[in-house]
Amino acid sequence: MLGESEVLGQVRAAWEAARADGAAGAVLSGLFRHAVEVGKRVRSETAIARGTTSVSQAAVALAADRLGGLKGRRILILGAGDMGEGMAVALAGAGVADVLVANRTPTRAETLAERVGGRPIEVDELPAALAEVDVLLTSTGSTEPLLTVDDLMPVLPRRAGRPLLIVDVAVPRDVEPGVRWLDGVTVLDLDDLRAFARAGLDERRREVSKVRAIIDEEVAEFLGDALARQVAPTISALHDRADAIREAELERFRARLEGLSPRQREAVEALSRGIVAKLLHEPTVRLKDTAGTPRGDRLAEGLRLLFDLTE
């Protein structure tokens, strides 16, 4: 979904995983850090993230829209991964009566339920839970449907005609297609979610040009910094070489400077440093300005040869 927040979190998680595995050095970590900062800037300076901008938020909003609100409703969340967590968090403030959390790994269900003030249940307790809840929000990573017609048929008589709303945002789907034809059951999936989210999409689309301008600006800054870092060792070596020559010359004329007062010696030091700085200013600026270009490479190589530089 355009402007969704979950991708930024995934980028941050990928960076943390790379650092934990020792796979992100200074350059890659710098790139990740800059990307996360740009994402934050975009969200604060534009309206790209205004309204419902994540799949999990949209799933909860869609359920609320279909039912006229979720106040007093009992909700079952199937799947305690990132999407399930997002849906659970999105329920905060909706006034729901109860939140049940089921997951194939019970400890994850317990952790998420505790976080949102809900109640964890075992996966084999699903039939009993489905007989009681008003809404099922499902988003597991299963490759096979977890809820079939055969699973739900015995449950429907126990619901005594109360409608059941299912919002399935899993890929692939958690709910067997035939479930949507059962009496009293409404199944909404990602196609319904896209249609629902389209209402706020036009406003966010109008922000895309602003977002791209920010990204272009930040990319240029990042590349400029990266190129400057490439020539930094050469520039540093050039300044070190020049300063070493300056100090060597002062040492060579030390006997002649013995009669100078401390203040006069400081003046000589300052004069020599100033001359060196002025001589190196233009080569330094040119090297930075042409960094990353064929001309810049030639200039850097020329300086290294002329001054016998070792970086």
C-alpha atoms as a PDB file:
ATOM      1  CA  MET A   1       0.000   0.000   0.000  1.00  0.00           C
ATOM      2  CA  LEU A   2       1.286   3.422  -0.951  1.00  0.00           C
ATOM      3  CA  GLY A   3       2.799   5.113   2.083  1.00  0.00           C
ATOM      4  CA  GLU A   4       2.606   2.087   4.367  1.00  0.00           C
ATOM      5  CA  SER A   5       4.791   2.104   7.446  1.00  0.00           C
ATOM      6  CA  GLU A   6       5.579  -1.597   7.641  1.00  0.00           C
ATOM      7  CA  VAL A   7       8.200  -1.573   4.875  1.00  0.00           C
ATOM      8  CA  LEU A   8      10.269   0.995   6.784  1.00  0.00           C
ATOM      9  CA  GLY A   9      10.188  -1.310   9.803  1.00  0.00           C
ATOM     10  CA  GLN A  10      11.262  -4.232   7.627  1.00  0.00           C
ATOM     11  CA  VAL A  11      14.209  -2.229   6.288  1.00  0.00           C
ATOM     12  CA  ARG A  12      15.250  -1.408   9.854  1.00  0.00           C
ATOM     13  CA  ALA A  13      14.890  -5.074  10.860  1.00  0.00           C
ATOM     14  CA  ALA A  14      17.004  -6.164   7.872  1.00  0.00           C
ATOM     15  CA  TRP A  15      19.726  -3.726   8.907  1.00  0.00           C
ATOM     16  CA  GLU A  16      19.694  -5.014  12.484  1.00  0.00           C
ATOM     17  CA  ALA A  17      19.888  -8.600  11.248  1.00  0.00           C
ATOM     18  CA  ALA A  18      22.809  -7.750   8.941  1.00  0.00           C
ATOM     19  CA  ARG A  19      24.698  -6.054  11.769  1.00  0.00           C
ATOM     20  CA  ALA A  20      24.026  -8.976  14.112  1.00  0.00           C
ATOM     21  CA  ASP A  21      25.497 -11.357  11.510  1.00  0.00           C
ATOM     22  CA  GLY A  22      28.496  -9.106  10.883  1.00  0.00           C
ATOM     23  CA  ALA A  23      27.370  -8.580   7.282  1.00  0.00           C
ATOM     24  CA  ALA A  24      26.973  -4.785   7.396  1.00  0.00           C
ATOM     25  CA  GLY A  25      30.153  -2.747   7.408  1.00  0.00           C
ATOM     26  CA  ALA A  26      30.559   1.003   7.523  1.00  0.00           C
ATOM     27  CA  VAL A  27      29.299   1.644   3.987  1.00  0.00           C
ATOM     28  CA  LEU A  28      26.242  -0.613   4.113  1.00  0.00           C
ATOM     29  CA  SER A  29      25.336   0.522   7.624  1.00  0.00           C
ATOM     30  CA  GLY A  30      25.625   4.119   6.467  1.00  0.00           C
ATOM     31  CA  LEU A  31      23.291   3.401   3.567  1.00  0.00           C
ATOM     32  CA  PHE A  32      20.731   1.675   5.811  1.00  0.00           C
ATOM     33  CA  ARG A  33      20.911   4.484   8.370  1.00  0.00           C
ATOM     34  CA  HIS A  34      20.359   7.087   5.673  1.00  0.00           C
ATOM     35  CA  ALA A  35      17.441   5.132   4.178  1.00  0.00           C
ATOM     36  CA  VAL A  36      15.689   4.904   7.545  1.00  0.00           C
ATOM     37  CA  GLU A  37      16.243   8.609   8.189  1.00  0.00           C
ATOM     38  CA  VAL A  38      14.832   9.474   4.755  1.00  0.00           C
ATOM     39  CA  GLY A  39      11.778   7.338   5.465  1.00  0.00           C
ATOM     40  CA  LYS A  40      11.195   9.225   8.705  1.00  0.00           C
ATOM     41  CA  ARG A  41      11.666  12.581   6.992  1.00  0.00           C
ATOM     42  CA  VAL A  42       9.193  11.680   4.245  1.00  0.00           C
ATOM     43  CA  ARG A  43       6.567  10.674   6.789  1.00  0.00           C
ATOM     44  CA  SER A  44       7.012  13.878   8.794  1.00  0.00           C
ATOM     45  CA  GLU A  45       7.205  16.352   5.894  1.00  0.00           C
ATOM     46  CA  THR A  46       4.517  14.956   3.576  1.00  0.00           C
ATOM     47  CA  ALA A  47       1.061  13.429   3.867  1.00  0.00           C
ATOM     48  CA  ILE A  48       2.110  10.169   2.186  1.00  0.00           C
ATOM     49  CA  ALA A  49       1.393   8.246   5.401  1.00  0.00           C
ATOM     50  CA  ARG A  50      -1.815  10.024   6.346  1.00  0.00           C
ATOM     51  CA  GLY A  51      -4.788   7.811   7.122  1.00  0.00           C
ATOM     52  CA  THR A  52      -4.757   4.036   6.743  1.00  0.00           C
ATOM     53  CA  THR A  53      -1.380   3.197   5.283  1.00  0.00           C
ATOM     54  CA  SER A  54      -0.551  -0.350   6.386  1.00  0.00           C
ATOM     55  CA  VAL A  55      -2.199  -3.604   5.472  1.00  0.00           C
ATOM     56  CA  SER A  56      -2.778  -4.405   9.136  1.00  0.00           C
ATOM     57  CA  GLN A  57      -4.409  -1.023   9.816  1.00  0.00           C
ATOM     58  CA  ALA A  58      -6.524  -1.384   6.692  1.00  0.00           C
ATOM     59  CA  ALA A  59      -7.675  -4.865   7.714  1.00  0.00           C
ATOM     60  CA  VAL A  60      -8.968  -3.576  11.055  1.00  0.00           C
ATOM     61  CA  ALA A  61     -10.492  -0.474   9.452  1.00  0.00           C
ATOM     62  CA  LEU A  62     -12.214  -2.627   6.830  1.00  0.00           C
ATOM     63  CA  ALA A  63     -13.723  -4.861   9.519  1.00  0.00           C
ATOM     64  CA  ALA A  64     -14.917  -1.803  11.434  1.00  0.00           C
ATOM     65  CA  ASP A  65     -16.427  -0.343   8.271  1.00  0.00           C
ATOM     66  CA  ARG A  66     -18.349  -3.530   7.453  1.00  0.00           C
ATOM     67  CA  LEU A  67     -19.687  -3.896  11.003  1.00  0.00           C
ATOM     68  CA  GLY A  68     -20.303  -0.224  11.715  1.00  0.00           C
ATOM     69  CA  GLY A  69     -17.580  -0.247  14.364  1.00  0.00           C
ATOM     70  CA  LEU A  70     -15.879  -2.815  16.558  1.00  0.00           C
ATOM     71  CA  LYS A  71     -17.087  -1.661  19.956  1.00  0.00           C
ATOM     72  CA  GLY A  72     -18.149  -4.616  22.035  1.00  0.00           C
ATOM     73  CA  ARG A  73     -17.030  -7.113  19.392  1.00  0.00           C
ATOM     74  CA  ARG A  74     -14.985 -10.214  20.078  1.00  0.00           C
ATOM     75  CA  ILE A  75     -11.968 -10.542  17.772  1.00  0.00           C
ATOM     76  CA  LEU A  76      -9.841 -13.581  16.959  1.00  0.00           C
ATOM     77  CA  ILE A  77      -6.382 -12.948  15.487  1.00  0.00           C
ATOM     78  CA  LEU A  78      -4.847 -15.967  13.773  1.00  0.00           C
ATOM     79  CA  GLY A  79      -1.111 -15.465  13.313  1.00  0.00           C
ATOM     80  CA  ALA A  80       1.204 -13.591  15.674  1.00  0.00           C
ATOM     81  CA  GLY A  81       3.816 -12.444  13.170  1.00  0.00           C
ATOM     82  CA  ASP A  82       4.430  -8.843  12.125  1.00  0.00           C
ATOM     83  CA  MET A  83       1.061  -8.554  10.380  1.00  0.00           C
ATOM     84  CA  GLY A  84      -0.828 -10.127  13.253  1.00  0.00           C
ATOM     85  CA  GLU A  85       0.949  -7.841  15.680  1.00  0.00           C
ATOM     86  CA  GLY A  86       0.062  -4.840  13.513  1.00  0.00           C
ATOM     87  CA  MET A  87      -3.605  -5.807  13.502  1.00  0.00           C
ATOM     88  CA  ALA A  88      -3.609  -6.346  17.255  1.00  0.00           C
ATOM     89  CA  VAL A  89      -2.058  -2.936  17.836  1.00  0.00           C
ATOM     90  CA  ALA A  90      -4.508  -1.334  15.381  1.00  0.00           C
ATOM     91  CA  LEU A  91      -7.385  -2.615  17.530  1.00  0.00           C
ATOM     92  CA  ALA A  92      -6.278  -0.365  20.394  1.00  0.00           C
ATOM     93  CA  GLY A  93      -8.920   2.230  21.096  1.00  0.00           C
ATOM     94  CA  ALA A  94     -11.592   0.423  19.042  1.00  0.00           C
ATOM     95  CA  GLY A  95     -13.479  -0.590  22.177  1.00  0.00           C
ATOM     96  CA  VAL A  96     -13.450  -4.319  21.422  1.00  0.00           C
ATOM     97  CA  ALA A  97     -14.774  -6.606  24.120  1.00  0.00           C
ATOM     98  CA  ASP A  98     -12.163  -9.326  23.762  1.00  0.00           C
ATOM     99  CA  VAL A  99      -9.100 -10.205  21.681  1.00  0.00           C
ATOM    100  CA  LEU A 100      -8.053 -13.830  21.226  1.00  0.00           C
ATOM    101  CA  VAL A 101      -4.672 -14.655  19.689  1.00  0.00           C
ATOM    102  CA  ALA A 102      -3.811 -18.003  18.130  1.00  0.00           C
ATOM    103  CA  ASN A 103      -0.492 -19.007  16.609  1.00  0.00           C
ATOM    104  CA  ARG A 104       1.284 -22.221  15.708  1.00  0.00           C
ATOM    105  CA  THR A 105       4.025 -21.183  18.138  1.00  0.00           C
ATOM    106  CA  PRO A 106       2.146 -20.719  21.429  1.00  0.00           C
ATOM    107  CA  THR A 107       4.805 -18.515  23.021  1.00  0.00           C
ATOM    108  CA  ARG A 108       4.367 -15.887  20.291  1.00  0.00           C
ATOM    109  CA  ALA A 109       0.619 -15.918  20.827  1.00  0.00           C
ATOM    110  CA  GLU A 110       1.169 -15.459  24.558  1.00  0.00           C
ATOM    111  CA  THR A 111       3.571 -12.554  24.038  1.00  0.00           C
ATOM    112  CA  LEU A 112       1.268 -10.720  21.633  1.00  0.00           C
ATOM    113  CA  ALA A 113      -1.840 -11.349  23.745  1.00  0.00           C
ATOM    114  CA  GLU A 114      -0.076 -10.001  26.804  1.00  0.00           C
ATOM    115  CA  ARG A 115       1.024  -6.912  24.914  1.00  0.00           C
ATOM    116  CA  VAL A 116      -2.511  -5.968  23.803  1.00  0.00           C
ATOM    117  CA  GLY A 117      -4.365  -7.186  26.866  1.00  0.00           C
ATOM    118  CA  GLY A 118      -5.827 -10.176  25.035  1.00  0.00           C
ATOM    119  CA  ARG A 119      -5.982 -13.892  25.634  1.00  0.00           C
ATOM    120  CA  PRO A 120      -3.847 -16.571  23.922  1.00  0.00           C
ATOM    121  CA  ILE A 121      -5.433 -19.785  22.716  1.00  0.00           C
ATOM    122  CA  GLU A 122      -4.076 -22.980  21.180  1.00  0.00           C
ATOM    123  CA  VAL A 123      -4.596 -23.567  17.453  1.00  0.00           C
ATOM    124  CA  ASP A 124      -6.682 -26.650  18.210  1.00  0.00           C
ATOM    125  CA  GLU A 125      -9.062 -24.376  20.139  1.00  0.00           C
ATOM    126  CA  LEU A 126     -10.011 -22.530  16.919  1.00  0.00           C
ATOM    127  CA  PRO A 127     -13.385 -24.297  16.392  1.00  0.00           C
ATOM    128  CA  ALA A 128     -14.559 -23.332  19.869  1.00  0.00           C
ATOM    129  CA  ALA A 129     -13.286 -19.777  19.436  1.00  0.00           C
ATOM    130  CA  LEU A 130     -14.932 -19.406  16.028  1.00  0.00           C
ATOM    131  CA  ALA A 131     -18.246 -20.317  17.582  1.00  0.00           C
ATOM    132  CA  GLU A 132     -17.979 -17.258  19.853  1.00  0.00           C
ATOM    133  CA  VAL A 133     -16.142 -14.438  18.046  1.00  0.00           C
ATOM    134  CA  ASP A 134     -17.565 -11.825  15.675  1.00  0.00           C
ATOM    135  CA  VAL A 135     -14.447 -11.262  13.573  1.00  0.00           C
ATOM    136  CA  LEU A 136     -11.521 -13.406  12.472  1.00  0.00           C
ATOM    137  CA  LEU A 137      -8.403 -11.537  11.322  1.00  0.00           C
ATOM    138  CA  THR A 138      -5.949 -13.994   9.814  1.00  0.00           C
ATOM    139  CA  SER A 139      -2.426 -13.483   8.469  1.00  0.00           C
ATOM    140  CA  THR A 140      -0.240 -16.551   8.936  1.00  0.00           C
ATOM    141  CA  GLY A 141       2.674 -17.711   6.821  1.00  0.00           C
ATOM    142  CA  SER A 142       1.079 -21.074   6.083  1.00  0.00           C
ATOM    143  CA  THR A 143       1.359 -22.420   2.533  1.00  0.00           C
ATOM    144  CA  GLU A 144      -1.959 -24.277   2.891  1.00  0.00           C
ATOM    145  CA  PRO A 145      -5.409 -23.002   3.937  1.00  0.00           C
ATOM    146  CA  LEU A 146      -5.855 -23.208   7.710  1.00  0.00           C
ATOM    147  CA  LEU A 147      -9.626 -22.758   7.637  1.00  0.00           C
ATOM    148  CA  THR A 148     -11.661 -24.957   5.299  1.00  0.00           C
ATOM    149  CA  VAL A 149     -15.336 -25.491   4.641  1.00  0.00           C
ATOM    150  CA  ASP A 150     -15.149 -28.770   6.545  1.00  0.00           C
ATOM    151  CA  ASP A 151     -13.633 -26.953   9.538  1.00  0.00           C
ATOM    152  CA  LEU A 152     -16.305 -24.292   9.654  1.00  0.00           C
ATOM    153  CA  MET A 153     -19.470 -26.257   8.838  1.00  0.00           C
ATOM    154  CA  PRO A 154     -19.754 -27.873  12.312  1.00  0.00           C
ATOM    155  CA  VAL A 155     -19.203 -24.483  13.935  1.00  0.00           C
ATOM    156  CA  LEU A 156     -22.036 -22.583  12.228  1.00  0.00           C
ATOM    157  CA  PRO A 157     -24.948 -24.252  14.081  1.00  0.00           C
ATOM    158  CA  ARG A 158     -23.321 -23.264  17.368  1.00  0.00           C
ATOM    159  CA  ARG A 159     -23.299 -19.624  16.268  1.00  0.00           C
ATOM    160  CA  ALA A 160     -27.112 -19.586  16.251  1.00  0.00           C
ATOM    161  CA  GLY A 161     -27.298 -17.446  13.131  1.00  0.00           C
ATOM    162  CA  ARG A 162     -24.825 -14.782  14.261  1.00  0.00           C
ATOM    163  CA  PRO A 163     -22.790 -13.537  11.261  1.00  0.00           C
ATOM    164  CA  LEU A 164     -19.058 -14.147  11.130  1.00  0.00           C
ATOM    165  CA  LEU A 165     -16.753 -11.697   9.372  1.00  0.00           C
ATOM    166  CA  ILE A 166     -13.391 -13.030   8.201  1.00  0.00           C
ATOM    167  CA  VAL A 167     -10.633 -10.729   6.948  1.00  0.00           C
ATOM    168  CA  ASP A 168      -7.897 -12.839   5.348  1.00  0.00           C
ATOM    169  CA  VAL A 169      -4.747 -10.859   4.489  1.00  0.00           C
ATOM    170  CA  ALA A 170      -2.408 -13.843   4.267  1.00  0.00           C
ATOM    171  CA  VAL A 171      -0.414 -14.615   1.122  1.00  0.00           C
ATOM    172  CA  PRO A 172      -1.233 -17.308   0.162  1.00  0.00           C
ATOM    173  CA  ARG A 173      -4.703 -17.156   1.695  1.00  0.00           C
ATOM    174  CA  ASP A 174      -5.420 -18.822   4.998  1.00  0.00           C
ATOM    175  CA  VAL A 175      -9.093 -19.372   4.197  1.00  0.00           C
ATOM    176  CA  GLU A 176     -10.314 -21.861   1.623  1.00  0.00           C
ATOM    177  CA  PRO A 177     -12.216 -20.076  -1.211  1.00  0.00           C
ATOM    178  CA  GLY A 178     -15.399 -22.107  -0.642  1.00  0.00           C
ATOM    179  CA  VAL A 179     -15.816 -20.658   2.870  1.00  0.00           C
ATOM    180  CA  ARG A 180     -17.155 -17.402   1.414  1.00  0.00           C
ATOM    181  CA  TRP A 181     -20.269 -19.237   0.156  1.00  0.00           C
ATOM    182  CA  LEU A 182     -21.320 -20.474   3.587  1.00  0.00           C
ATOM    183  CA  ASP A 183     -24.460 -18.868   5.021  1.00  0.00           C
ATOM    184  CA  GLY A 184     -23.716 -16.226   7.612  1.00  0.00           C
ATOM    185  CA  VAL A 185     -20.030 -15.973   6.701  1.00  0.00           C
ATOM    186  CA  THR A 186     -18.439 -12.998   4.957  1.00  0.00           C
ATOM    187  CA  VAL A 187     -14.867 -13.397   3.741  1.00  0.00           C
ATOM    188  CA  LEU A 188     -12.807 -10.371   2.744  1.00  0.00           C
ATOM    189  CA  ASP A 189      -9.324 -10.701   1.268  1.00  0.00           C
ATOM    190  CA  LEU A 190      -6.574  -8.505  -0.145  1.00  0.00           C
ATOM    191  CA  ASP A 191      -8.669  -7.629  -3.208  1.00  0.00           C
ATOM    192  CA  ASP A 192     -11.378  -6.202  -0.939  1.00  0.00           C
ATOM    193  CA  LEU A 193      -8.691  -4.474   1.092  1.00  0.00           C
ATOM    194  CA  ARG A 194      -7.288  -2.734  -1.981  1.00  0.00           C
ATOM    195  CA  ALA A 195     -10.715  -1.485  -2.975  1.00  0.00           C
ATOM    196  CA  PHE A 196     -11.331  -0.191   0.556  1.00  0.00           C
ATOM    197  CA  ALA A 197      -7.960   1.532   0.728  1.00  0.00           C
ATOM    198  CA  ARG A 198      -8.410   3.192  -2.652  1.00  0.00           C
ATOM    199  CA  ALA A 199     -10.556   5.899  -1.083  1.00  0.00           C
ATOM    200  CA  GLY A 200      -7.561   7.463   0.696  1.00  0.00           C
ATOM    201  CA  LEU A 201      -5.110   6.588  -2.034  1.00  0.00           C
ATOM    202  CA  ASP A 202      -5.709   9.587  -4.293  1.00  0.00           C
ATOM    203  CA  GLU A 203      -4.708  12.001  -1.533  1.00  0.00           C
ATOM    204  CA  ARG A 204      -1.506  10.083  -0.883  1.00  0.00           C
ATOM    205  CA  ARG A 205      -0.738   9.873  -4.604  1.00  0.00           C
ATOM    206  CA  ARG A 206      -0.688  13.658  -4.721  1.00  0.00           C
ATOM    207  CA  GLU A 207       2.225  13.523  -2.258  1.00  0.00           C
ATOM    208  CA  VAL A 208       4.385  11.278  -4.440  1.00  0.00           C
ATOM    209  CA  SER A 209       6.107  14.152  -6.260  1.00  0.00           C
ATOM    210  CA  LYS A 210       7.082  15.711  -2.903  1.00  0.00           C
ATOM    211  CA  VAL A 211       8.388  12.368  -1.690  1.00  0.00           C
ATOM    212  CA  ARG A 212      10.444  11.861  -4.842  1.00  0.00           C
ATOM    213  CA  ALA A 213      11.940  15.336  -4.488  1.00  0.00           C
ATOM    214  CA  ILE A 214      13.026  14.532  -0.925  1.00  0.00           C
ATOM    215  CA  ILE A 215      14.484  11.199  -2.032  1.00  0.00           C
ATOM    216  CA  ASP A 216      16.380  12.807  -4.932  1.00  0.00           C
ATOM    217  CA  GLU A 217      17.805  15.405  -2.555  1.00  0.00           C
ATOM    218  CA  GLU A 218      18.859  12.787  -0.017  1.00  0.00           C
ATOM    219  CA  VAL A 219      20.327  10.461  -2.653  1.00  0.00           C
ATOM    220  CA  ALA A 220      22.437  13.326  -4.001  1.00  0.00           C
ATOM    221  CA  GLU A 221      23.632  14.109  -0.476  1.00  0.00           C
ATOM    222  CA  PHE A 222      24.449  10.472   0.235  1.00  0.00           C
ATOM    223  CA  LEU A 223      26.355  10.058  -3.035  1.00  0.00           C
ATOM    224  CA  GLY A 224      28.214  13.302  -2.417  1.00  0.00           C
ATOM    225  CA  ASP A 225      29.256  12.113   1.019  1.00  0.00           C
ATOM    226  CA  ALA A 226      30.208   8.705  -0.350  1.00  0.00           C
ATOM    227  CA  LEU A 227      32.355  10.206  -3.104  1.00  0.00           C
ATOM    228  CA  ALA A 228      33.985  12.584  -0.644  1.00  0.00           C
ATOM    229  CA  ARG A 229      34.881   9.598   1.523  1.00  0.00           C
ATOM    230  CA  GLN A 230      36.523   7.940  -1.491  1.00  0.00           C
ATOM    231  CA  VAL A 231      38.996  10.814  -1.970  1.00  0.00           C
ATOM    232  CA  ALA A 232      39.387  11.555   1.736  1.00  0.00           C
ATOM    233  CA  PRO A 233      42.431   9.240   2.148  1.00  0.00           C
ATOM    234  CA  THR A 234      44.220  10.937  -0.772  1.00  0.00           C
ATOM    235  CA  ILE A 235      43.434  14.415   0.553  1.00  0.00           C
ATOM    236  CA  SER A 236      44.538  13.425   4.038  1.00  0.00           C
ATOM    237  CA  ALA A 237      47.771  11.926   2.708  1.00  0.00           C
ATOM    238  CA  LEU A 238      48.441  15.083   0.662  1.00  0.00           C
ATOM    239  CA  HIS A 239      48.007  17.345   3.693  1.00  0.00           C
ATOM    240  CA  ASP A 240      50.127  15.034   5.867  1.00  0.00           C
ATOM    241  CA  ARG A 241      52.878  15.036   3.234  1.00  0.00           C
ATOM    242  CA  ALA A 242      52.847  18.827   2.938  1.00  0.00           C
ATOM    243  CA  ASP A 243      52.884  19.284   6.715  1.00  0.00           C
ATOM    244  CA  ALA A 244      55.762  16.854   7.052  1.00  0.00           C
ATOM    245  CA  ILE A 245      57.763  18.889   4.506  1.00  0.00           C
ATOM    246  CA  ARG A 246      56.905  22.116   6.333  1.00  0.00           C
ATOM    247  CA  GLU A 247      58.043  20.734   9.676  1.00  0.00           C
ATOM    248  CA  ALA A 248      61.220  19.301   8.133  1.00  0.00           C
ATOM    249  CA  GLU A 249      62.130  22.688   6.691  1.00  0.00           C
ATOM    250  CA  LEU A 250      61.529  24.415  10.019  1.00  0.00           C
ATOM    251  CA  GLU A 251      63.724  21.839  11.699  1.00  0.00           C
ATOM    252  CA  ARG A 252      66.440  22.393   9.077  1.00  0.00           C
ATOM    253  CA  PHE A 253      66.468  26.112   9.862  1.00  0.00           C
ATOM    254  CA  ARG A 254      66.089  25.667  13.601  1.00  0.00           C
ATOM    255  CA  ALA A 255      69.588  27.016  14.329  1.00  0.00           C
ATOM    256  CA  ARG A 256      68.842  30.213  12.446  1.00  0.00           C
ATOM    257  CA  LEU A 257      65.590  30.657  14.367  1.00  0.00           C
ATOM    258  CA  GLU A 258      67.197  30.294  17.807  1.00  0.00           C
ATOM    259  CA  GLY A 259      67.346  34.023  18.318  1.00  0.00           C
ATOM    260  CA  LEU A 260      63.626  34.532  17.769  1.00  0.00           C
ATOM    261  CA  SER A 261      61.309  35.214  20.646  1.00  0.00           C
ATOM    262  CA  PRO A 262      58.430  32.744  21.341  1.00  0.00           C
ATOM    263  CA  ARG A 263      55.993  35.186  19.760  1.00  0.00           C
ATOM    264  CA  GLN A 264      58.160  35.465  16.630  1.00  0.00           C
ATOM    265  CA  ARG A 265      58.450  31.667  16.390  1.00  0.00           C
ATOM    266  CA  GLU A 266      54.666  31.389  16.584  1.00  0.00           C
ATOM    267  CA  ALA A 267      54.440  33.917  13.761  1.00  0.00           C
ATOM    268  CA  VAL A 268      56.823  31.829  11.613  1.00  0.00           C
ATOM    269  CA  GLU A 269      54.783  28.672  12.398  1.00  0.00           C
ATOM    270  CA  ALA A 270      51.548  30.424  11.482  1.00  0.00           C
ATOM    271  CA  LEU A 271      53.060  31.836   8.289  1.00  0.00           C
ATOM    272  CA  SER A 272      54.306  28.418   7.151  1.00  0.00           C
ATOM    273  CA  ARG A 273      50.988  26.745   7.921  1.00  0.00           C
ATOM    274  CA  GLY A 274      49.113  29.479   6.051  1.00  0.00           C
ATOM    275  CA  ILE A 275      51.285  29.108   2.952  1.00  0.00           C
ATOM    276  CA  VAL A 276      50.764  25.329   2.914  1.00  0.00           C
ATOM    277  CA  ALA A 277      47.005  25.693   3.430  1.00  0.00           C
ATOM    278  CA  LYS A 278      46.678  28.188   0.561  1.00  0.00           C
ATOM    279  CA  LEU A 279      48.744  26.009  -1.778  1.00  0.00           C
ATOM    280  CA  LEU A 280      46.642  22.919  -1.011  1.00  0.00           C
ATOM    281  CA  HIS A 281      43.245  24.629  -1.029  1.00  0.00           C
ATOM    282  CA  GLU A 282      42.642  24.529  -4.780  1.00  0.00           C
ATOM    283  CA  PRO A 283      43.858  20.919  -5.321  1.00  0.00           C
ATOM    284  CA  THR A 284      41.657  19.812  -2.381  1.00  0.00           C
ATOM    285  CA  VAL A 285      38.548  21.558  -3.742  1.00  0.00           C
ATOM    286  CA  ARG A 286      39.121  20.226  -7.269  1.00  0.00           C
ATOM    287  CA  LEU A 287      39.640  16.705  -5.983  1.00  0.00           C
ATOM    288  CA  LYS A 288      36.391  16.807  -3.954  1.00  0.00           C
ATOM    289  CA  ASP A 289      34.400  18.365  -6.812  1.00  0.00           C
ATOM    290  CA  THR A 290      35.518  15.751  -9.342  1.00  0.00           C
ATOM    291  CA  ALA A 291      35.361  12.735  -7.018  1.00  0.00           C
ATOM    292  CA  GLY A 292      33.861   9.675  -8.672  1.00  0.00           C
ATOM    293  CA  THR A 293      34.502  10.935 -12.232  1.00  0.00           C
ATOM    294  CA  PRO A 294      37.229   9.866 -14.683  1.00  0.00           C
ATOM    295  CA  ARG A 295      38.806  13.311 -14.308  1.00  0.00           C
ATOM    296  CA  GLY A 296      38.754  12.978 -10.537  1.00  0.00           C
ATOM    297  CA  ASP A 297      40.428   9.584 -10.750  1.00  0.00           C
ATOM    298  CA  ARG A 298      43.168  11.076 -12.964  1.00  0.00           C
ATOM    299  CA  LEU A 299      43.685  14.012 -10.594  1.00  0.00           C
ATOM    300  CA  ALA A 300      43.919  11.705  -7.566  1.00  0.00           C
ATOM    301  CA  GLU A 301      46.381   9.412  -9.330  1.00  0.00           C
ATOM    302  CA  GLY A 302      48.441  12.416 -10.452  1.00  0.00           C
ATOM    303  CA  LEU A 303      48.670  13.750  -6.895  1.00  0.00           C
ATOM    304  CA  ARG A 304      49.699  10.360  -5.560  1.00  0.00           C
ATOM    305  CA  LEU A 305      52.489  10.111  -8.141  1.00  0.00           C
ATOM    306  CA  LEU A 306      53.690  13.716  -7.864  1.00  0.00           C
ATOM    307  CA  PHE A 307      53.809  13.761  -4.084  1.00  0.00           C
ATOM    308  CA  ASP A 308      54.665  10.076  -3.570  1.00  0.00           C
ATOM    309  CA  LEU A 309      51.610   9.614  -1.392  1.00  0.00           C
ATOM    310  CA  THR A 310      50.776   6.437   0.530  1.00  0.00           C
ATOM    311  CA  GLU A 311      47.203   6.271   1.867  1.00  0.00           C
END
